[in-house]
Amino acid sequence: MPEWSSETLERAGIRALALDIFRPEYAGHGVAVVLLHGGAWRMGHRRMMHPYAAALAASGYVAVCAEYRLVGEAPWPAQLDDVLAATDWIAANAARLGVHPERIVVEGFSAGGHLALMAGAHGKGIGAVIAFFAPPSMLHASPRPAPEPKAMLLAPDADADAVNHASPIHQVKAGFPPTFLLAGVDDPLVTPSDMIAMFETLRAHGVTTELHLYSGHTHEFSALPSMLIPVQTEIDLFLKRNVVDPDGYRKENLELNMFAAPGGPPMMRPGA
């Protein structure tokens, strides 16, 4: 595993939070990826993200495993506040980290994926969002045995406005960062229909987005030895196309794919 160092995020009146930073061995892409662990907002640790951070650093990204306060320590929206503080810290230290202040990506898993989507809606300089099996709403759209996210994150007396304000699907607007969604087809916690609804909402607002559904998998499968590198390779390609060199990929598509040319291929144009 690549070497990493730990920094401290300090704010007045709030305990210091740790940031574990993995750097690429070469110049890299100038992109920082903030990694947020899952655990129903109530458990988990930033070091759960170290394997992902190592894979990202090996692909040329500065990977930052960010600590955030859990619900048992601080009520919502402290978790989002901590994530936004981490992205602000990276932007303020961009030159030292070797990244561009507007090329900060937020990548999260389950509850961390929810926080990544919320950071995309409320953060500054967020270049892209990557959300793994992330609940798009605090309320289940269809009956299922799994507990609703509302019960895990919000106060018992949270009203409809509070639920909507904590639900990423209700925070999407034009200008939302490019977003990569990933889930398992057999996930009972965050179902394919949940992810499709988020995908369609992003698309309806003109957001660049991709949805990857993996058959035979449920929740938190992406750390499996057989899946870690293939999934991170997909993320690497998404980031290169949408953050690192979007103009280059767009130019290649227009020049080499006749179906991408204005008006489509010659045989499909009016009067052909």
Protein backbone atom coordinates (compact mmCIF):
# COMPACT_ATOMS: atom_id res chain seq x y z
CA MET A 1 0.00 0.00 0.00
CA PRO A 2 1.38 3.48 -0.83
CA GLU A 3 2.65 5.65 1.97
CA TRP A 4 0.22 8.10 3.49
CA SER A 5 0.25 10.94 5.98
CA SER A 6 -2.34 12.33 8.35
CA GLU A 7 -3.40 15.95 8.64
CA THR A 8 -5.75 17.61 11.12
CA LEU A 9 -8.82 19.64 10.30
CA GLU A 10 -9.38 22.16 13.07
CA ARG A 11 -12.34 24.52 13.60
CA ALA A 12 -13.27 26.71 16.51
CA GLY A 13 -15.56 24.96 18.99
CA ILE A 14 -15.43 21.60 17.20
CA ARG A 15 -13.05 18.76 17.92
CA ALA A 16 -10.26 18.23 15.42
CA LEU A 17 -10.93 15.72 12.65
CA ALA A 18 -8.32 13.60 10.88
CA LEU A 19 -7.60 13.47 7.15
CA ASP A 20 -5.48 10.56 5.87
CA ILE A 21 -3.82 11.61 2.62
CA PHE A 22 -2.52 9.23 -0.05
CA ARG A 23 -0.44 10.86 -2.80
CA PRO A 24 0.49 9.48 -6.22
CA GLU A 25 4.13 8.62 -6.78
CA TYR A 26 4.23 10.80 -9.92
CA ALA A 27 2.82 14.22 -10.83
CA GLY A 28 -0.72 12.92 -11.07
CA HIS A 29 -3.86 14.50 -12.50
CA GLY A 30 -4.20 17.46 -10.14
CA VAL A 31 -7.42 15.96 -8.77
CA ALA A 32 -8.24 15.28 -5.13
CA VAL A 33 -10.77 12.58 -4.20
CA VAL A 34 -12.36 12.78 -0.75
CA LEU A 35 -13.38 9.32 0.49
CA LEU A 36 -16.27 8.92 2.94
CA HIS A 37 -16.98 5.65 4.73
CA GLY A 38 -20.37 4.07 5.30
CA GLY A 39 -21.96 2.75 8.46
CA ALA A 40 -25.48 4.19 8.65
CA TRP A 41 -24.04 7.56 9.82
CA ARG A 42 -23.60 5.88 13.22
CA MET A 43 -20.47 3.73 12.89
CA GLY A 44 -17.43 3.24 10.68
CA HIS A 45 -13.97 4.74 10.40
CA ARG A 46 -12.00 6.62 7.76
CA ARG A 47 -9.44 3.80 7.61
CA MET A 48 -12.09 1.63 5.97
CA MET A 49 -11.32 3.78 2.91
CA HIS A 50 -7.58 3.08 2.80
CA PRO A 51 -7.76 0.32 0.13
CA TYR A 52 -9.78 2.63 -2.14
CA ALA A 53 -7.38 5.49 -1.45
CA ALA A 54 -4.38 3.34 -2.34
CA ALA A 55 -6.01 2.32 -5.65
CA LEU A 56 -6.80 5.95 -6.50
CA ALA A 57 -3.29 7.12 -5.63
CA ALA A 58 -1.87 4.39 -7.86
CA SER A 59 -3.98 5.89 -10.69
CA GLY A 60 -2.65 9.42 -10.17
CA TYR A 61 -5.14 10.95 -7.73
CA VAL A 62 -4.58 12.56 -4.34
CA ALA A 63 -6.94 10.54 -2.12
CA VAL A 64 -8.15 11.95 1.19
CA CYS A 65 -9.88 9.66 3.69
CA ALA A 66 -11.93 12.12 5.72
CA GLU A 67 -13.23 11.67 9.24
CA TYR A 68 -16.70 12.99 10.00
CA ARG A 69 -18.62 13.07 13.27
CA LEU A 70 -21.13 10.27 13.68
CA VAL A 71 -24.73 10.84 14.72
CA GLY A 72 -24.03 9.59 18.24
CA GLU A 73 -21.59 12.46 18.69
CA ALA A 74 -23.32 15.24 16.76
CA PRO A 75 -26.77 15.41 15.14
CA TRP A 76 -27.39 16.00 11.45
CA PRO A 77 -26.29 18.11 9.59
CA ALA A 78 -22.93 17.99 11.43
CA GLN A 79 -21.85 15.14 9.12
CA LEU A 80 -22.36 17.27 6.00
CA ASP A 81 -20.72 20.25 7.69
CA ASP A 82 -17.62 18.11 8.32
CA VAL A 83 -17.47 16.92 4.72
CA LEU A 84 -17.78 20.47 3.38
CA ALA A 85 -15.10 21.61 5.84
CA ALA A 86 -12.81 18.89 4.43
CA THR A 87 -13.38 20.00 0.83
CA ASP A 88 -12.79 23.64 1.85
CA TRP A 89 -9.55 22.58 3.57
CA ILE A 90 -8.37 20.82 0.42
CA ALA A 91 -9.18 23.87 -1.70
CA ALA A 92 -7.27 26.11 0.72
CA ASN A 93 -4.27 23.73 0.63
CA ALA A 94 -4.53 22.85 -3.07
CA ALA A 95 -1.07 24.13 -4.02
CA ARG A 96 0.60 22.14 -1.24
CA LEU A 97 -1.34 19.03 -2.20
CA GLY A 98 -0.64 19.44 -5.91
CA VAL A 99 -4.30 19.66 -6.93
CA HIS A 100 -6.56 22.22 -8.60
CA PRO A 101 -8.98 23.85 -6.11
CA GLU A 102 -11.93 23.21 -8.45
CA ARG A 103 -10.98 19.60 -9.13
CA ILE A 104 -12.16 18.15 -5.84
CA VAL A 105 -14.18 14.95 -6.15
CA VAL A 106 -16.30 13.50 -3.34
CA GLU A 107 -16.63 9.71 -3.28
CA GLY A 108 -18.73 7.94 -0.67
CA PHE A 109 -20.11 4.54 0.23
CA SER A 110 -23.64 3.93 1.54
CA ALA A 111 -24.12 6.64 4.19
CA GLY A 112 -20.90 8.19 2.88
CA GLY A 113 -22.39 8.12 -0.62
CA HIS A 114 -25.37 10.07 0.70
CA LEU A 115 -22.95 12.64 2.11
CA ALA A 116 -21.10 12.77 -1.21
CA LEU A 117 -24.34 13.54 -3.06
CA MET A 118 -25.27 16.18 -0.50
CA ALA A 119 -21.80 17.73 -0.83
CA GLY A 120 -22.34 17.88 -4.58
CA ALA A 121 -25.48 19.93 -3.96
CA HIS A 122 -24.02 22.26 -1.32
CA GLY A 123 -20.25 22.30 -1.77
CA LYS A 124 -18.01 24.72 -3.65
CA GLY A 125 -15.54 23.65 -6.32
CA ILE A 126 -16.81 20.06 -6.43
CA GLY A 127 -15.66 18.60 -9.76
CA ALA A 128 -17.60 15.34 -9.55
CA VAL A 129 -19.53 13.07 -7.20
CA ILE A 130 -19.15 9.30 -6.90
CA ALA A 131 -21.86 7.56 -4.88
CA PHE A 132 -21.81 3.84 -4.11
CA PHE A 133 -25.13 2.26 -2.97
CA ALA A 134 -26.24 5.62 -1.56
CA PRO A 135 -29.82 6.28 -0.41
CA PRO A 136 -31.23 9.10 -2.57
CA SER A 137 -34.09 9.72 -0.12
CA MET A 138 -34.63 9.50 3.61
CA LEU A 139 -37.85 7.59 2.85
CA HIS A 140 -38.16 4.30 0.98
CA ALA A 141 -40.07 4.62 -2.27
CA SER A 142 -41.31 1.02 -1.99
CA PRO A 143 -41.97 -1.36 0.94
CA ARG A 144 -38.96 -3.37 2.16
CA PRO A 145 -37.75 -4.92 5.43
CA ALA A 146 -34.76 -2.58 5.71
CA PRO A 147 -35.10 0.41 8.07
CA GLU A 148 -35.68 3.79 6.45
CA PRO A 149 -32.65 6.11 6.35
CA LYS A 150 -34.74 8.74 8.18
CA ALA A 151 -34.71 6.58 11.31
CA MET A 152 -30.92 6.32 11.24
CA LEU A 153 -29.99 9.92 10.46
CA LEU A 154 -32.72 12.32 11.52
CA ALA A 155 -34.46 13.13 14.78
CA PRO A 156 -37.67 11.12 15.43
CA ASP A 157 -39.78 14.27 15.08
CA ALA A 158 -38.22 15.35 11.75
CA ASP A 159 -40.91 16.89 9.56
CA ALA A 160 -41.37 16.64 5.78
CA ASP A 161 -39.17 19.67 5.12
CA ALA A 162 -36.32 18.20 7.17
CA VAL A 163 -36.68 14.90 5.33
CA ASN A 164 -36.55 16.60 1.93
CA HIS A 165 -33.60 18.80 2.90
CA ALA A 166 -31.63 15.68 3.88
CA SER A 167 -32.59 13.75 0.71
CA PRO A 168 -30.17 14.14 -2.23
CA ILE A 169 -32.90 13.48 -4.80
CA HIS A 170 -34.61 16.70 -3.67
CA GLN A 171 -31.37 18.72 -3.78
CA VAL A 172 -30.52 18.20 -7.45
CA LYS A 173 -30.48 21.31 -9.61
CA ALA A 174 -28.91 22.54 -12.82
CA GLY A 175 -25.15 22.79 -12.39
CA PHE A 176 -24.92 19.73 -10.12
CA PRO A 177 -21.47 18.12 -10.64
CA PRO A 178 -21.01 15.12 -12.95
CA THR A 179 -22.15 12.09 -10.97
CA PHE A 180 -21.22 8.40 -11.03
CA LEU A 181 -23.76 6.07 -9.37
CA LEU A 182 -23.07 2.43 -8.52
CA ALA A 183 -25.13 -0.26 -6.79
CA GLY A 184 -25.82 -3.98 -6.62
CA VAL A 185 -28.85 -5.41 -8.40
CA ASP A 186 -29.73 -7.50 -5.32
CA ASP A 187 -29.23 -4.77 -2.71
CA PRO A 188 -32.22 -4.70 -0.30
CA LEU A 189 -31.09 -1.45 1.35
CA VAL A 190 -30.61 0.72 -1.74
CA THR A 191 -32.47 -0.94 -4.59
CA PRO A 192 -31.91 -0.54 -8.33
CA SER A 193 -35.17 1.44 -8.49
CA ASP A 194 -33.75 3.87 -5.91
CA MET A 195 -30.65 4.41 -8.02
CA ILE A 196 -32.60 4.65 -11.26
CA ALA A 197 -34.79 7.35 -9.70
CA MET A 198 -31.66 9.32 -8.75
CA PHE A 199 -30.19 8.80 -12.21
CA GLU A 200 -33.38 10.02 -13.90
CA THR A 201 -33.57 13.06 -11.63
CA LEU A 202 -30.00 14.01 -12.46
CA ARG A 203 -30.66 13.53 -16.17
CA ALA A 204 -33.82 15.65 -15.99
CA HIS A 205 -31.69 18.54 -14.68
CA GLY A 206 -29.10 18.18 -17.42
CA VAL A 207 -26.44 16.65 -15.17
CA THR A 208 -23.77 14.41 -16.68
CA THR A 209 -24.34 11.08 -15.00
CA GLU A 210 -23.70 7.34 -15.26
CA LEU A 211 -25.38 4.46 -13.46
CA HIS A 212 -23.62 1.12 -12.98
CA LEU A 213 -25.67 -1.80 -11.63
CA TYR A 214 -23.77 -5.01 -10.85
CA SER A 215 -25.65 -8.31 -10.99
CA GLY A 216 -25.18 -10.84 -8.22
CA HIS A 217 -24.22 -8.24 -5.61
CA THR A 218 -25.97 -6.70 -2.63
CA HIS A 219 -24.57 -3.93 -0.39
CA GLU A 220 -20.93 -2.95 0.21
CA PHE A 221 -19.55 -5.35 -2.41
CA SER A 222 -17.03 -2.98 -3.97
CA ALA A 223 -14.25 -3.79 -1.47
CA LEU A 224 -14.22 -7.48 -2.42
CA PRO A 225 -10.79 -8.46 -3.83
CA SER A 226 -12.36 -9.38 -7.17
CA MET A 227 -14.22 -6.06 -7.43
CA LEU A 228 -11.97 -3.37 -5.96
CA ILE A 229 -9.69 -2.77 -8.94
CA PRO A 230 -12.33 -3.22 -11.69
CA VAL A 231 -14.67 -0.77 -9.95
CA GLN A 232 -11.88 1.75 -9.34
CA THR A 233 -10.89 1.43 -13.00
CA GLU A 234 -14.44 2.46 -13.96
CA ILE A 235 -14.14 5.46 -11.65
CA ASP A 236 -10.76 6.38 -13.11
CA LEU A 237 -12.25 6.42 -16.61
CA PHE A 238 -15.24 8.49 -15.47
CA LEU A 239 -12.97 11.05 -13.81
CA LYS A 240 -10.63 11.28 -16.79
CA ARG A 241 -13.60 11.89 -19.10
CA ASN A 242 -15.36 14.41 -16.89
CA VAL A 243 -12.76 16.08 -14.67
CA VAL A 244 -9.20 15.46 -15.88
CA ASP A 245 -9.63 15.99 -19.64
CA PRO A 246 -13.28 16.44 -20.65
CA ASP A 247 -12.39 18.53 -23.72
CA GLY A 248 -10.01 15.87 -25.03
CA TYR A 249 -12.56 13.08 -24.73
CA ARG A 250 -15.28 15.25 -26.27
CA LYS A 251 -13.00 16.14 -29.20
CA GLU A 252 -12.10 12.50 -29.76
CA ASN A 253 -15.77 11.53 -29.79
CA LEU A 254 -16.73 14.23 -32.28
CA GLU A 255 -13.81 13.41 -34.58
CA LEU A 256 -13.96 9.61 -34.52
CA ASN A 257 -17.55 8.64 -33.78
CA MET A 258 -19.81 9.52 -36.70
CA PHE A 259 -22.89 9.09 -34.51
CA ALA A 260 -21.64 11.91 -32.26
CA ALA A 261 -21.24 14.41 -35.12
CA PRO A 262 -23.76 17.27 -35.28
CA GLY A 263 -26.83 15.97 -37.12
CA GLY A 264 -25.70 12.38 -36.73
CA PRO A 265 -24.17 10.20 -39.47
CA PRO A 266 -24.78 11.25 -43.09
CA MET A 267 -27.29 8.44 -43.76
CA MET A 268 -29.52 9.65 -40.92
CA ARG A 269 -29.65 13.36 -41.82
CA PRO A 270 -32.77 14.87 -43.40
CA GLY A 271 -32.74 14.48 -47.18
CA ALA A 272 -30.19 11.68 -47.13
